[in-house]
Amino acid sequence: MNANIGTFDRNARVTIGLALIAATLFGFIGLWGYVGFLAVVTGLTRVCPAYRFFGYSSCPVANP
């Protein structure tokens, strides 16, 4: 699979995902915070199925 998540998007997904998971573990938010795992996984793999479905990519285009 080709990566479709750029560097900024990747960093944001991992940071927000970890913050959601931490907030859930410390009891600040409900169990819905575990959705942060999706953000972390897509950030680490650099592949977002929703981006692929809509034909979007936040990766910079490589110049040949």
Protein backbone atom coordinates (compact mmCIF):
# COMPACT_ATOMS: atom_id res chain seq x y z
CA MET A 1 0.00 0.00 0.00
CA ASN A 2 1.22 3.46 -0.82
CA ALA A 3 1.50 5.99 1.98
CA ASN A 4 -1.08 8.76 1.80
CA ILE A 5 -0.38 10.57 5.10
CA GLY A 6 2.23 13.33 5.21
CA THR A 7 4.59 14.21 8.06
CA PHE A 8 2.46 16.87 9.76
CA ASP A 9 -0.68 14.74 9.48
CA ARG A 10 1.21 11.75 10.84
CA ASN A 11 2.56 13.63 13.86
CA ALA A 12 -0.86 15.12 14.61
CA ARG A 13 -2.59 11.74 14.44
CA VAL A 14 -0.10 10.04 16.76
CA THR A 15 -0.11 12.92 19.27
CA ILE A 16 -3.90 13.30 19.38
CA GLY A 17 -4.41 9.54 19.46
CA LEU A 18 -2.06 9.11 22.42
CA ALA A 19 -3.71 12.04 24.21
CA LEU A 20 -7.16 10.44 23.75
CA ILE A 21 -5.92 7.10 25.04
CA ALA A 22 -4.26 8.73 28.06
CA ALA A 23 -7.38 10.77 28.84
CA THR A 24 -9.43 7.58 28.78
CA LEU A 25 -7.01 5.68 31.00
CA PHE A 26 -6.98 8.51 33.57
CA GLY A 27 -10.77 8.77 33.56
CA PHE A 28 -11.14 12.22 32.00
CA ILE A 29 -13.29 10.94 29.14
CA GLY A 30 -15.36 7.83 28.48
CA LEU A 31 -14.51 4.68 26.61
CA TRP A 32 -14.93 6.45 23.26
CA GLY A 33 -11.37 7.76 23.81
CA TYR A 34 -10.04 4.41 22.72
CA VAL A 35 -10.80 5.54 19.17
CA GLY A 36 -7.35 7.09 19.56
CA PHE A 37 -5.94 3.68 18.67
CA LEU A 38 -7.22 4.21 15.12
CA ALA A 39 -5.42 7.53 14.91
CA VAL A 40 -2.18 6.02 16.23
CA VAL A 41 -2.33 3.04 13.86
CA THR A 42 -3.03 5.17 10.78
CA GLY A 43 -0.29 7.58 11.84
CA LEU A 44 2.30 4.86 12.30
CA THR A 45 1.42 3.00 9.10
CA ARG A 46 0.98 6.26 7.11
CA VAL A 47 -2.08 4.77 5.39
CA CYS A 48 -5.60 6.12 5.90
CA PRO A 49 -8.42 4.11 4.28
CA ALA A 50 -10.72 7.16 4.26
CA TYR A 51 -8.11 9.21 2.37
CA ARG A 52 -7.77 6.37 -0.15
CA PHE A 53 -11.56 6.14 -0.60
CA PHE A 54 -11.86 9.87 -1.32
CA GLY A 55 -8.69 10.01 -3.41
CA TYR A 56 -6.90 12.41 -1.05
CA SER A 57 -3.27 12.39 0.01
CA SER A 58 -1.36 14.69 2.35
CA CYS A 59 2.00 13.31 1.21
CA PRO A 60 4.17 15.61 -0.86
CA VAL A 61 4.46 14.59 -4.49
CA ALA A 62 7.87 13.21 -5.39
CA ASN A 63 9.52 14.93 -8.33
CA PRO A 64 10.75 12.44 -10.95
